[in-house]
Amino acid sequence: MGKHPVSALIELCNKQRIMQPDFVMVHHSGPDHRKNFLFKVTVNGVDHQPQTASPNKKHAKAMAATVALQALGEVPVDGPGLYTGPVFTAASTGPLFST
């Protein structure tokens, strides 16, 4: 597909002239330095939620959008459309600059 799943889902809703997707955080857990987030998205009155939590909010929303796009038949369930974008977690422990 080549687009971020959230953008693709919003564009699909615009194209089909249905209400915009509604993202809601369902769950968050873990210590402050290592939280996990789980979002669901409602599209046209139907809730879509991934089975696993994500290490940051942006990735969690992308995963919810991917699940919705899969359910709508826009992205293959195990194909190249599955969101595999960057997942930013903790900063590296190595030096910032080498000398």
N, C-alpha and C. Protein backbone atom coordinates (compact mmCIF):
# COMPACT_ATOMS: atom_id res chain seq x y z
N MET A 1 0.82 -1.18 0.00
CA MET A 1 0.00 0.00 0.00
C MET A 1 0.87 1.25 0.00
N GLY A 2 1.92 1.29 0.82
CA GLY A 2 2.82 2.42 0.82
C GLY A 2 2.41 3.57 1.71
N LYS A 3 1.26 3.51 2.35
CA LYS A 3 0.80 4.59 3.21
C LYS A 3 0.78 4.13 4.66
N HIS A 4 0.85 5.09 5.55
CA HIS A 4 0.69 4.78 6.97
C HIS A 4 -0.74 4.29 7.18
N PRO A 5 -0.96 3.25 7.96
CA PRO A 5 -2.30 2.68 8.12
C PRO A 5 -3.35 3.67 8.61
N VAL A 6 -2.99 4.59 9.51
CA VAL A 6 -3.97 5.56 10.00
C VAL A 6 -4.41 6.47 8.84
N SER A 7 -3.45 6.94 8.06
CA SER A 7 -3.78 7.78 6.90
C SER A 7 -4.63 7.03 5.89
N ALA A 8 -4.27 5.78 5.63
CA ALA A 8 -5.02 4.96 4.67
C ALA A 8 -6.45 4.74 5.14
N LEU A 9 -6.63 4.52 6.44
CA LEU A 9 -7.98 4.30 6.97
C LEU A 9 -8.82 5.57 6.88
N ILE A 10 -8.22 6.71 7.19
CA ILE A 10 -8.95 7.98 7.08
C ILE A 10 -9.34 8.24 5.63
N GLU A 11 -8.42 8.01 4.70
CA GLU A 11 -8.73 8.20 3.28
C GLU A 11 -9.83 7.26 2.81
N LEU A 12 -9.81 6.03 3.29
CA LEU A 12 -10.85 5.06 2.92
C LEU A 12 -12.21 5.53 3.42
N CYS A 13 -12.26 6.03 4.65
CA CYS A 13 -13.53 6.53 5.19
C CYS A 13 -14.03 7.73 4.39
N ASN A 14 -13.11 8.61 4.00
CA ASN A 14 -13.50 9.75 3.17
C ASN A 14 -14.04 9.29 1.83
N LYS A 15 -13.35 8.33 1.24
CA LYS A 15 -13.74 7.82 -0.08
C LYS A 15 -15.12 7.16 -0.03
N GLN A 16 -15.37 6.41 1.04
CA GLN A 16 -16.65 5.70 1.17
C GLN A 16 -17.73 6.57 1.81
N ARG A 17 -17.35 7.79 2.18
CA ARG A 17 -18.27 8.76 2.79
C ARG A 17 -18.94 8.21 4.05
N ILE A 18 -18.10 7.63 4.90
CA ILE A 18 -18.56 7.18 6.20
C ILE A 18 -17.84 8.01 7.27
N MET A 19 -18.33 7.93 8.50
CA MET A 19 -17.73 8.73 9.58
C MET A 19 -16.25 8.40 9.74
N GLN A 20 -15.51 9.41 10.19
CA GLN A 20 -14.08 9.24 10.42
C GLN A 20 -13.84 8.18 11.50
N PRO A 21 -12.73 7.45 11.40
CA PRO A 21 -12.43 6.44 12.41
C PRO A 21 -12.21 7.10 13.77
N ASP A 22 -12.64 6.41 14.82
CA ASP A 22 -12.51 6.92 16.18
C ASP A 22 -11.56 6.01 16.95
N PHE A 23 -10.37 6.52 17.29
CA PHE A 23 -9.37 5.76 18.01
C PHE A 23 -9.52 6.01 19.51
N VAL A 24 -9.53 4.91 20.29
CA VAL A 24 -9.67 5.01 21.74
C VAL A 24 -8.64 4.09 22.38
N MET A 25 -7.91 4.62 23.38
CA MET A 25 -6.97 3.77 24.11
C MET A 25 -7.79 2.86 25.03
N VAL A 26 -7.61 1.56 24.87
CA VAL A 26 -8.35 0.57 25.63
C VAL A 26 -7.59 0.19 26.91
N HIS A 27 -6.27 0.16 26.80
CA HIS A 27 -5.48 -0.34 27.92
C HIS A 27 -4.05 0.21 27.82
N HIS A 28 -3.47 0.49 28.98
CA HIS A 28 -2.03 0.78 29.04
C HIS A 28 -1.52 0.19 30.34
N SER A 29 -0.32 -0.34 30.29
CA SER A 29 0.24 -0.99 31.46
C SER A 29 1.75 -0.89 31.43
N GLY A 30 2.35 -1.23 32.55
CA GLY A 30 3.80 -1.24 32.65
C GLY A 30 4.33 -0.02 33.36
N PRO A 31 5.59 -0.08 33.75
CA PRO A 31 6.21 1.06 34.42
C PRO A 31 6.39 2.22 33.44
N ASP A 32 6.60 3.42 33.98
CA ASP A 32 6.70 4.62 33.14
C ASP A 32 7.74 4.49 32.04
N HIS A 33 8.83 3.81 32.30
CA HIS A 33 9.89 3.72 31.30
C HIS A 33 9.66 2.58 30.29
N ARG A 34 8.60 1.80 30.46
CA ARG A 34 8.35 0.68 29.55
C ARG A 34 6.86 0.35 29.47
N LYS A 35 6.07 1.31 29.06
CA LYS A 35 4.62 1.12 28.97
C LYS A 35 4.25 0.36 27.69
N ASN A 36 3.10 -0.25 27.74
CA ASN A 36 2.49 -0.89 26.58
C ASN A 36 1.10 -0.29 26.40
N PHE A 37 0.70 -0.09 25.14
CA PHE A 37 -0.56 0.54 24.83
C PHE A 37 -1.37 -0.33 23.89
N LEU A 38 -2.69 -0.28 24.08
CA LEU A 38 -3.61 -1.01 23.21
C LEU A 38 -4.74 -0.06 22.82
N PHE A 39 -4.90 0.16 21.53
CA PHE A 39 -5.96 1.02 21.00
C PHE A 39 -6.97 0.17 20.25
N LYS A 40 -8.20 0.66 20.19
CA LYS A 40 -9.20 0.11 19.28
C LYS A 40 -9.66 1.26 18.40
N VAL A 41 -10.17 0.90 17.24
CA VAL A 41 -10.70 1.91 16.33
C VAL A 41 -12.10 1.49 15.92
N THR A 42 -13.00 2.46 15.91
CA THR A 42 -14.38 2.21 15.48
C THR A 42 -14.55 2.81 14.09
N VAL A 43 -14.95 1.95 13.16
CA VAL A 43 -15.18 2.37 11.78
C VAL A 43 -16.59 1.95 11.39
N ASN A 44 -17.41 2.93 11.06
CA ASN A 44 -18.77 2.65 10.63
C ASN A 44 -19.54 1.82 11.66
N GLY A 45 -19.30 2.11 12.95
CA GLY A 45 -20.02 1.43 14.02
C GLY A 45 -19.44 0.10 14.45
N VAL A 46 -18.33 -0.33 13.84
CA VAL A 46 -17.72 -1.62 14.17
C VAL A 46 -16.36 -1.38 14.82
N ASP A 47 -16.14 -2.04 15.97
CA ASP A 47 -14.86 -1.93 16.66
C ASP A 47 -13.85 -2.91 16.11
N HIS A 48 -12.60 -2.44 15.98
CA HIS A 48 -11.48 -3.27 15.54
C HIS A 48 -10.35 -3.06 16.52
N GLN A 49 -9.77 -4.18 17.00
CA GLN A 49 -8.72 -4.09 18.01
C GLN A 49 -7.69 -5.18 17.78
N PRO A 50 -6.41 -4.83 17.79
CA PRO A 50 -5.37 -5.87 17.65
C PRO A 50 -5.33 -6.74 18.91
N GLN A 51 -4.70 -7.89 18.79
CA GLN A 51 -4.63 -8.82 19.91
C GLN A 51 -3.50 -8.50 20.87
N THR A 52 -2.49 -7.77 20.41
CA THR A 52 -1.34 -7.49 21.27
C THR A 52 -1.13 -5.99 21.44
N ALA A 53 -0.55 -5.64 22.56
CA ALA A 53 -0.24 -4.25 22.86
C ALA A 53 1.05 -3.84 22.14
N SER A 54 1.28 -2.54 22.08
CA SER A 54 2.45 -1.98 21.40
C SER A 54 3.25 -1.11 22.36
N PRO A 55 4.54 -0.93 22.08
CA PRO A 55 5.40 -0.18 22.99
C PRO A 55 5.23 1.34 22.96
N ASN A 56 4.46 1.86 22.02
CA ASN A 56 4.17 3.30 22.04
C ASN A 56 2.81 3.56 21.40
N LYS A 57 2.29 4.76 21.64
CA LYS A 57 0.93 5.07 21.21
C LYS A 57 0.79 5.11 19.69
N LYS A 58 1.77 5.66 19.01
CA LYS A 58 1.68 5.76 17.54
C LYS A 58 1.63 4.38 16.91
N HIS A 59 2.45 3.47 17.38
CA HIS A 59 2.45 2.11 16.84
C HIS A 59 1.14 1.42 17.19
N ALA A 60 0.62 1.65 18.40
CA ALA A 60 -0.64 1.03 18.80
C ALA A 60 -1.79 1.49 17.91
N LYS A 61 -1.83 2.78 17.58
CA LYS A 61 -2.87 3.28 16.67
C LYS A 61 -2.71 2.70 15.27
N ALA A 62 -1.47 2.59 14.82
CA ALA A 62 -1.21 2.01 13.50
C ALA A 62 -1.66 0.56 13.45
N MET A 63 -1.42 -0.17 14.53
CA MET A 63 -1.85 -1.58 14.56
C MET A 63 -3.37 -1.69 14.55
N ALA A 64 -4.06 -0.82 15.28
CA ALA A 64 -5.52 -0.83 15.27
C ALA A 64 -6.04 -0.51 13.87
N ALA A 65 -5.44 0.48 13.21
CA ALA A 65 -5.84 0.84 11.85
C ALA A 65 -5.59 -0.32 10.89
N THR A 66 -4.48 -1.02 11.06
CA THR A 66 -4.17 -2.17 10.21
C THR A 66 -5.21 -3.27 10.37
N VAL A 67 -5.60 -3.54 11.61
CA VAL A 67 -6.63 -4.57 11.85
C VAL A 67 -7.94 -4.16 11.17
N ALA A 68 -8.29 -2.88 11.25
CA ALA A 68 -9.51 -2.41 10.60
C ALA A 68 -9.42 -2.55 9.08
N LEU A 69 -8.27 -2.16 8.52
CA LEU A 69 -8.09 -2.28 7.07
C LEU A 69 -8.14 -3.74 6.62
N GLN A 70 -7.62 -4.64 7.44
CA GLN A 70 -7.69 -6.06 7.12
C GLN A 70 -9.14 -6.54 7.14
N ALA A 71 -9.89 -6.13 8.15
CA ALA A 71 -11.30 -6.53 8.25
C ALA A 71 -12.13 -5.98 7.10
N LEU A 72 -11.74 -4.81 6.60
CA LEU A 72 -12.46 -4.20 5.48
C LEU A 72 -12.00 -4.73 4.13
N GLY A 73 -11.03 -5.64 4.15
CA GLY A 73 -10.56 -6.26 2.91
C GLY A 73 -9.60 -5.40 2.11
N GLU A 74 -9.06 -4.36 2.72
CA GLU A 74 -8.15 -3.45 2.02
C GLU A 74 -6.69 -3.89 2.11
N VAL A 75 -6.38 -4.71 3.11
CA VAL A 75 -5.02 -5.17 3.34
C VAL A 75 -5.07 -6.67 3.59
N PRO A 76 -4.19 -7.45 2.94
CA PRO A 76 -4.17 -8.89 3.21
C PRO A 76 -3.81 -9.16 4.67
N VAL A 77 -4.37 -10.21 5.22
CA VAL A 77 -4.17 -10.52 6.64
C VAL A 77 -2.71 -10.76 6.97
N ASP A 78 -1.99 -11.49 6.14
CA ASP A 78 -0.57 -11.76 6.41
C ASP A 78 0.31 -11.28 5.27
N GLY A 79 -0.12 -10.27 4.58
CA GLY A 79 0.63 -9.83 3.41
C GLY A 79 1.49 -8.62 3.67
N PRO A 80 2.00 -8.02 2.60
CA PRO A 80 2.91 -6.89 2.71
C PRO A 80 2.25 -5.63 3.24
N GLY A 81 0.91 -5.58 3.32
CA GLY A 81 0.24 -4.40 3.83
C GLY A 81 0.26 -4.30 5.33
N LEU A 82 0.70 -5.35 6.02
CA LEU A 82 0.75 -5.32 7.48
C LEU A 82 1.74 -4.27 7.94
N TYR A 83 1.35 -3.47 8.91
CA TYR A 83 2.21 -2.37 9.35
C TYR A 83 3.48 -2.90 9.98
N THR A 84 4.59 -2.55 9.39
CA THR A 84 5.88 -2.96 9.92
C THR A 84 6.79 -1.75 10.07
N GLY A 85 6.18 -0.59 10.22
CA GLY A 85 6.94 0.64 10.34
C GLY A 85 7.77 0.67 11.61
N PRO A 86 8.47 1.77 11.82
CA PRO A 86 9.36 1.85 12.97
C PRO A 86 8.60 1.80 14.28
N VAL A 87 9.20 1.16 15.24
CA VAL A 87 8.68 1.11 16.60
C VAL A 87 9.74 1.74 17.47
N PHE A 88 9.47 2.94 17.96
CA PHE A 88 10.45 3.63 18.77
C PHE A 88 10.22 3.28 20.22
N THR A 89 11.22 2.72 20.84
CA THR A 89 11.13 2.36 22.25
C THR A 89 12.14 3.19 23.03
N ALA A 90 12.86 2.59 23.91
CA ALA A 90 13.82 3.32 24.74
C ALA A 90 15.03 3.75 23.90
N ALA A 91 15.69 4.79 24.36
CA ALA A 91 16.90 5.28 23.69
C ALA A 91 18.01 4.25 23.85
N SER A 92 18.94 4.27 22.93
CA SER A 92 20.06 3.33 23.02
C SER A 92 20.94 3.69 24.22
N THR A 93 21.67 2.71 24.70
CA THR A 93 22.51 2.94 25.85
C THR A 93 23.95 3.26 25.45
N GLY A 94 24.25 3.23 24.17
CA GLY A 94 25.60 3.49 23.70
C GLY A 94 25.87 4.99 23.60
N PRO A 95 27.11 5.35 23.29
CA PRO A 95 27.46 6.77 23.17
C PRO A 95 26.80 7.38 21.94
N LEU A 96 26.49 8.66 22.02
CA LEU A 96 25.86 9.34 20.90
C LEU A 96 26.85 9.59 19.77
N PHE A 97 28.08 9.90 20.13
CA PHE A 97 29.08 10.20 19.13
C PHE A 97 30.33 9.36 19.39
N SER A 98 30.92 8.87 18.34
CA SER A 98 32.18 8.13 18.54
C SER A 98 33.34 9.09 18.32
N THR A 99 34.41 8.86 19.04
CA THR A 99 35.55 9.76 18.93
C THR A 99 36.72 9.09 18.26
